[in-house]
Amino acid sequence: MFRKSERLWGKAPLMSDYDAVIIGGGLHGLATAYYLARNHGMKNIAVIEKRHIGFGGAGRNTAIVRANQRTKENLSLYKEGLELWPKLTAELDYNLMFYNCGNLNLAHSEAALSAMRMQVASARFFGIESHIADPKECKELVPALNISEDITYPIFGGMYHPPGGIVRHDAVVWGLAKGAAKLGVHIHQGTEVLGINVEKGKITSVETDQGTISTPRVLNAAGGYSASLSYKMLGIHLPVSVLTIQAMVTQPLKPLLDHVVSSGAYHCYANQTLKG
């Protein structure tokens, strides 16, 4: 499958010199390469991926997108990202399968509901659509919910965020790779970075198992591997920890869940993909 998809971004030879080297072929690495080429005119860029693009977190997530955080920094960032997803399909000429189904975050106590009211107030201040839903509205949004009071964690209400939804993560990876390659970015899969050379406090080159690359700029976009890579090659400690979480995938079902539903009390969230 990945070999067939490779035609979308080609297979360029590894050059000995690049203006920038990006380590990691996930969403952050590919998006950075794409926007450096599109917005800043940097065409001579290499994305180095040890395995295949999307191998790490970019290909192992539930692809939920939202903009209902609390702080102004997060709200501004996530709002811009949320507005970007529908546009990227046309821009990249690749269907990212963005599904604007809305997010419903359940509250199982008065304290949780009070915290959600503050989140809603913050979101509205920045022009982001969100509102508090009572148990009846939660049931209308998700008919399968049990809103009775004699359960372990009764539903006191929830925060409904209509602009949120889901996106197909592998489609985003392939779409960004296609867009970056079209702008001249070289994507090298199956290539491992072995070291980063520094002289007089400046990066001069990157060592790979396919050869040495001269470059003045390196971006570490290796996700969960970024901390060990930075320490091993540069002696830099990054405050990044890897946490293992679990996801359960069912067989395709008839339409049952029209929205993304999350619950802090149950420590889980659920959504139904377009395939069921």
Protein backbone atom coordinates (compact mmCIF):
# COMPACT_ATOMS: atom_id res chain seq x y z
CA MET A 1 0.00 0.00 0.00
CA PHE A 2 2.73 2.45 0.94
CA ARG A 3 4.75 1.64 -2.18
CA LYS A 4 1.74 2.31 -4.38
CA SER A 5 1.08 5.59 -2.59
CA GLU A 6 4.71 6.61 -3.10
CA ARG A 7 3.83 7.80 -6.60
CA LEU A 8 2.10 10.75 -4.93
CA TRP A 9 5.39 12.18 -3.71
CA GLY A 10 8.00 10.44 -5.86
CA LYS A 11 11.33 9.00 -4.80
CA ALA A 12 14.09 11.57 -5.10
CA PRO A 13 17.77 10.62 -4.67
CA LEU A 14 19.38 11.71 -1.41
CA MET A 15 21.42 14.83 -2.14
CA SER A 16 24.60 15.79 -0.30
CA ASP A 17 23.37 19.30 0.48
CA TYR A 18 20.04 20.70 1.70
CA ASP A 19 18.98 24.08 3.07
CA ALA A 20 17.11 22.26 5.85
CA VAL A 21 16.74 18.70 7.09
CA ILE A 22 13.58 17.64 8.90
CA ILE A 23 13.86 14.48 10.98
CA GLY A 24 10.53 12.66 11.07
CA GLY A 25 7.91 12.06 8.40
CA GLY A 26 4.82 12.59 10.52
CA LEU A 27 2.25 15.38 10.48
CA HIS A 28 4.54 17.98 12.08
CA GLY A 29 7.52 17.18 9.87
CA LEU A 30 5.56 17.06 6.62
CA ALA A 31 3.46 20.12 7.46
CA THR A 32 6.59 22.11 8.30
CA ALA A 33 8.21 21.08 5.03
CA TYR A 34 5.07 21.99 3.09
CA TYR A 35 4.67 25.44 4.62
CA LEU A 36 8.38 26.26 4.44
CA ALA A 37 8.20 25.55 0.72
CA ARG A 38 4.84 27.23 0.15
CA ASN A 39 5.15 30.32 2.34
CA HIS A 40 8.89 30.90 2.66
CA GLY A 41 10.31 29.78 -0.68
CA MET A 42 12.53 27.06 0.78
CA LYS A 43 12.49 24.34 -1.87
CA ASN A 44 15.71 22.52 -1.03
CA ILE A 45 14.37 20.58 1.96
CA ALA A 46 14.78 16.93 2.95
CA VAL A 47 12.35 15.03 5.17
CA ILE A 48 14.17 12.02 6.65
CA GLU A 49 12.01 9.15 7.91
CA LYS A 50 13.52 6.01 9.42
CA ARG A 51 10.55 3.82 8.46
CA HIS A 52 7.61 5.05 6.37
CA ILE A 53 5.81 8.38 6.60
CA GLY A 54 3.07 8.33 9.21
CA PHE A 55 4.70 5.46 11.11
CA GLY A 56 4.53 7.12 14.52
CA GLY A 57 1.81 9.15 16.20
CA ALA A 58 0.55 10.50 12.87
CA GLY A 59 -0.65 7.04 11.92
CA ARG A 60 -1.72 5.89 15.38
CA ASN A 61 -4.35 8.29 16.64
CA THR A 62 -8.10 8.79 16.70
CA ALA A 63 -7.90 11.88 14.47
CA ILE A 64 -10.20 14.08 16.56
CA VAL A 65 -9.97 17.82 15.84
CA ARG A 66 -11.43 20.53 18.07
CA ALA A 67 -10.93 24.04 19.42
CA ASN A 68 -12.52 23.97 22.87
CA GLN A 69 -9.44 24.30 25.08
CA ARG A 70 -9.14 26.80 27.92
CA THR A 71 -6.11 29.09 27.48
CA LYS A 72 -6.00 31.89 24.95
CA GLU A 73 -2.80 30.51 23.39
CA ASN A 74 -4.38 27.11 22.76
CA LEU A 75 -7.69 28.55 21.64
CA SER A 76 -6.11 30.79 19.00
CA LEU A 77 -3.91 27.98 17.71
CA TYR A 78 -6.63 25.33 17.61
CA LYS A 79 -9.18 27.70 16.09
CA GLU A 80 -6.84 28.44 13.19
CA GLY A 81 -6.15 24.73 12.77
CA LEU A 82 -9.84 23.86 12.80
CA GLU A 83 -10.56 26.45 10.13
CA LEU A 84 -7.69 25.09 8.06
CA TRP A 85 -8.84 21.47 7.67
CA PRO A 86 -11.71 22.08 5.20
CA LYS A 87 -9.47 24.29 3.04
CA LEU A 88 -6.56 21.85 2.88
CA THR A 89 -8.45 19.27 0.83
CA ALA A 90 -8.76 21.72 -2.06
CA GLU A 91 -5.31 23.21 -1.52
CA LEU A 92 -3.53 19.84 -1.54
CA ASP A 93 -5.88 18.36 -4.15
CA TYR A 94 -6.30 15.36 -1.87
CA ASN A 95 -9.37 14.34 0.12
CA LEU A 96 -8.46 14.53 3.81
CA MET A 97 -11.93 13.19 4.71
CA PHE A 98 -12.65 15.92 7.25
CA TYR A 99 -15.99 15.18 8.92
CA ASN A 100 -17.52 18.11 10.80
CA CYS A 101 -19.61 16.04 13.22
CA GLY A 102 -19.18 18.10 16.39
CA ASN A 103 -17.76 17.17 19.81
CA LEU A 104 -19.74 16.44 22.97
CA ASN A 105 -17.76 16.38 26.23
CA LEU A 106 -19.81 14.90 29.08
CA ALA A 107 -19.85 16.23 32.65
CA HIS A 108 -20.51 13.78 35.48
CA SER A 109 -20.52 16.23 38.41
CA GLU A 110 -21.45 19.83 39.19
CA ALA A 111 -17.74 20.65 39.48
CA ALA A 112 -17.05 19.30 35.99
CA LEU A 113 -20.02 21.22 34.60
CA SER A 114 -18.79 24.42 36.25
CA ALA A 115 -15.35 23.95 34.66
CA MET A 116 -17.02 23.46 31.29
CA ARG A 117 -18.93 26.73 31.71
CA MET A 118 -15.58 28.51 32.03
CA GLN A 119 -14.30 26.72 28.92
CA VAL A 120 -17.38 27.77 26.98
CA ALA A 121 -16.94 31.38 28.11
CA SER A 122 -13.30 31.36 26.98
CA ALA A 123 -14.21 29.79 23.63
CA ARG A 124 -16.98 32.31 22.95
CA PHE A 125 -14.65 35.19 23.79
CA PHE A 126 -12.48 34.08 20.87
CA GLY A 127 -15.45 33.56 18.56
CA ILE A 128 -15.51 29.77 18.84
CA GLU A 129 -18.92 28.13 18.88
CA SER A 130 -19.55 26.09 22.04
CA HIS A 131 -22.40 25.83 24.53
CA ILE A 132 -23.50 23.93 27.61
CA ALA A 133 -25.97 21.13 26.91
CA ASP A 134 -28.30 19.79 29.58
CA PRO A 135 -28.83 16.01 29.92
CA LYS A 136 -31.89 16.14 27.65
CA GLU A 137 -29.93 17.79 24.83
CA CYS A 138 -27.06 15.33 25.34
CA LYS A 139 -29.58 12.53 24.84
CA GLU A 140 -30.93 14.21 21.70
CA LEU A 141 -27.41 14.51 20.30
CA VAL A 142 -26.49 10.93 21.21
CA PRO A 143 -29.64 8.79 21.62
CA ALA A 144 -27.60 5.84 22.90
CA LEU A 145 -26.64 7.72 26.09
CA ASN A 146 -28.13 6.65 29.39
CA ILE A 147 -29.12 9.82 31.26
CA SER A 148 -30.73 8.14 34.26
CA GLU A 149 -29.50 9.18 37.70
CA ASP A 150 -28.94 5.70 39.16
CA ILE A 151 -25.74 4.85 37.30
CA THR A 152 -22.11 5.03 38.43
CA TYR A 153 -21.40 8.34 36.71
CA PRO A 154 -24.68 10.11 35.93
CA ILE A 155 -24.63 12.77 33.22
CA PHE A 156 -25.05 16.30 34.61
CA GLY A 157 -24.75 17.86 31.17
CA GLY A 158 -22.01 18.47 28.67
CA MET A 159 -20.12 20.91 26.49
CA TYR A 160 -21.13 20.76 22.84
CA HIS A 161 -18.66 22.08 20.27
CA PRO A 162 -20.28 21.98 16.77
CA PRO A 163 -17.18 22.99 14.73
CA GLY A 164 -15.18 19.95 15.90
CA GLY A 165 -14.98 16.59 14.19
CA ILE A 166 -12.62 13.99 12.83
CA VAL A 167 -10.17 13.79 9.95
CA ARG A 168 -8.54 10.78 8.28
CA HIS A 169 -4.98 10.84 9.67
CA ASP A 170 -3.33 8.75 6.95
CA ALA A 171 -4.97 10.91 4.28
CA VAL A 172 -3.48 13.99 5.94
CA VAL A 173 -0.02 12.39 5.91
CA TRP A 174 -0.26 11.45 2.24
CA GLY A 175 -1.83 14.76 1.25
CA LEU A 176 0.90 16.80 2.93
CA ALA A 177 3.58 14.57 1.41
CA LYS A 178 2.06 15.07 -2.02
CA GLY A 179 1.82 18.84 -1.54
CA ALA A 180 5.37 19.17 -0.21
CA ALA A 181 6.86 17.04 -2.99
CA LYS A 182 5.01 19.07 -5.61
CA LEU A 183 6.81 22.15 -4.25
CA GLY A 184 10.21 20.46 -4.50
CA VAL A 185 10.64 18.86 -1.07
CA HIS A 186 12.50 15.52 -1.05
CA ILE A 187 10.97 12.80 1.13
CA HIS A 188 13.33 9.97 2.06
CA GLN A 189 11.72 6.93 3.67
CA GLY A 190 13.71 4.05 5.07
CA THR A 191 16.56 6.42 5.94
CA GLU A 192 17.92 6.61 9.47
CA VAL A 193 19.63 9.63 11.03
CA LEU A 194 22.78 8.48 12.84
CA GLY A 195 24.20 11.77 14.05
CA ILE A 196 24.17 15.56 13.87
CA ASN A 197 27.50 17.33 13.45
CA VAL A 198 28.09 20.67 15.16
CA GLU A 199 31.04 23.05 14.77
CA LYS A 200 31.49 26.22 16.84
CA GLY A 201 27.92 25.97 18.10
CA LYS A 202 26.38 25.64 14.66
CA ILE A 203 24.96 22.61 12.86
CA THR A 204 26.99 21.70 9.79
CA SER A 205 25.72 18.32 8.66
CA VAL A 206 23.57 15.27 9.36
CA GLU A 207 24.84 11.70 9.21
CA THR A 208 22.44 9.10 7.81
CA ASP A 209 22.78 5.44 6.89
CA GLN A 210 22.58 6.59 3.26
CA GLY A 211 25.32 9.21 3.49
CA THR A 212 26.22 12.62 4.93
CA ILE A 213 24.05 15.67 4.28
CA SER A 214 25.49 19.16 4.60
CA THR A 215 22.90 21.53 6.09
CA PRO A 216 22.77 24.57 8.39
CA ARG A 217 19.30 23.77 9.73
CA VAL A 218 17.77 20.71 11.39
CA LEU A 219 14.25 20.31 12.74
CA ASN A 220 13.66 17.47 15.17
CA ALA A 221 10.09 16.36 14.40
CA ALA A 222 10.49 12.78 15.56
CA GLY A 223 7.53 12.89 17.95
CA GLY A 224 7.90 10.33 20.72
CA TYR A 225 11.46 9.65 19.62
CA SER A 226 12.50 13.33 19.71
CA ALA A 227 13.75 13.37 23.31
CA SER A 228 16.08 10.38 22.94
CA LEU A 229 17.28 11.64 19.56
CA SER A 230 18.12 15.11 20.90
CA TYR A 231 19.93 13.74 23.94
CA LYS A 232 21.84 11.06 22.04
CA MET A 233 22.99 13.32 19.22
CA LEU A 234 23.20 16.77 20.82
CA GLY A 235 23.15 16.22 24.58
CA ILE A 236 19.97 18.28 24.84
CA HIS A 237 17.29 17.27 27.36
CA LEU A 238 13.74 17.76 26.06
CA PRO A 239 10.77 17.65 28.48
CA VAL A 240 9.03 15.02 26.36
CA SER A 241 7.67 11.78 27.79
CA VAL A 242 6.05 8.92 25.91
CA LEU A 243 2.79 7.59 27.32
CA THR A 244 1.20 4.44 25.98
CA ILE A 245 -2.55 4.66 25.50
CA GLN A 246 -5.00 2.16 24.10
CA ALA A 247 -7.56 2.35 21.33
CA MET A 248 -10.21 -0.18 20.45
CA VAL A 249 -11.48 -0.53 16.88
CA THR A 250 -14.72 -2.37 16.21
CA GLN A 251 -15.99 -3.90 13.01
CA PRO A 252 -18.02 -1.46 10.86
CA LEU A 253 -21.48 -0.78 12.31
CA LYS A 254 -24.61 0.93 11.05
CA PRO A 255 -24.69 4.67 11.85
CA LEU A 256 -24.93 4.94 15.63
CA LEU A 257 -22.77 7.84 16.76
CA ASP A 258 -23.18 11.15 14.95
CA HIS A 259 -20.75 13.07 17.16
CA VAL A 260 -17.43 12.61 18.94
CA VAL A 261 -18.27 11.83 22.59
CA SER A 262 -15.79 12.10 25.46
CA SER A 263 -15.99 11.47 29.20
CA GLY A 264 -13.39 12.48 31.76
CA ALA A 265 -14.92 10.26 34.43
CA TYR A 266 -14.66 7.18 32.24
CA HIS A 267 -11.30 8.31 30.79
CA CYS A 268 -12.41 7.60 27.25
CA TYR A 269 -13.78 9.06 24.06
CA ALA A 270 -15.50 7.50 21.09
CA ASN A 271 -16.37 8.33 17.52
CA GLN A 272 -17.68 6.50 14.48
CA THR A 273 -15.73 6.82 11.25
CA LEU A 274 -17.31 7.40 7.86
CA LYS A 275 -16.77 3.69 7.15
CA GLY A 276 -18.78 2.69 10.21
